[in-house]
Amino acid sequence: MAVEQLELPSPVIHMSPSEDAYQMVRVPTWLWIGSEGWGAVEETASVPGVSVTAVARPVRVRWSLGDGSVVVCSGPGTPFSADFSPGDESPDCGYTYTRSSLAEPGGVFTVSAELEWDVVWEGAGESGRVPGLRTSWEVPVTVDEIQALVVDQPSR
């Protein structure tokens, strides 16, 4: 009952550039989930004379980037901030697209983050582990490509 009563949050997806803005081919994309989705969740269930407590802790995030690529991060990822340069790669959770999403249905890739939870329970002189609990969220992301043309400048 305690495990069934756990209210595990879905991961809130954040990206830099923002998930609401265009991602660019060959420009590093930072991936992270909001801090409200990365923390222990605890629930206790009781009947007369017995109580059992279940604790769920996030273990890893599996990112599906919509272009067939998957990135697995062992933590929530690092939020992008002004401390970093725009061209920097994420120190722990990022991806660089190699093609645009414009040929995809709706012109977008569907990016999903699946958060895997490690759940342990204890009570009534017993304990155990519940594997495989997951929560997820997805967002549409447009990936565009910038074309550049270099031409010779006439000498002055």
Foldseek 3Di string as FASTA:
>chain_A
DFVVPWDQDAWAWAKVVGQVDAAEAPAKIFIFTDPVRADKTKGWDDDVPKIKMKIKGWAWKWKDQQPRDIDIFRGRFDDDDPVDDRRDHTPTGIDHHHDWQCVPVVQWGKMKIKIFIWMKMDMPNDIDTDGDDIHMDIDTHGYDYDDDDDDDDDDD
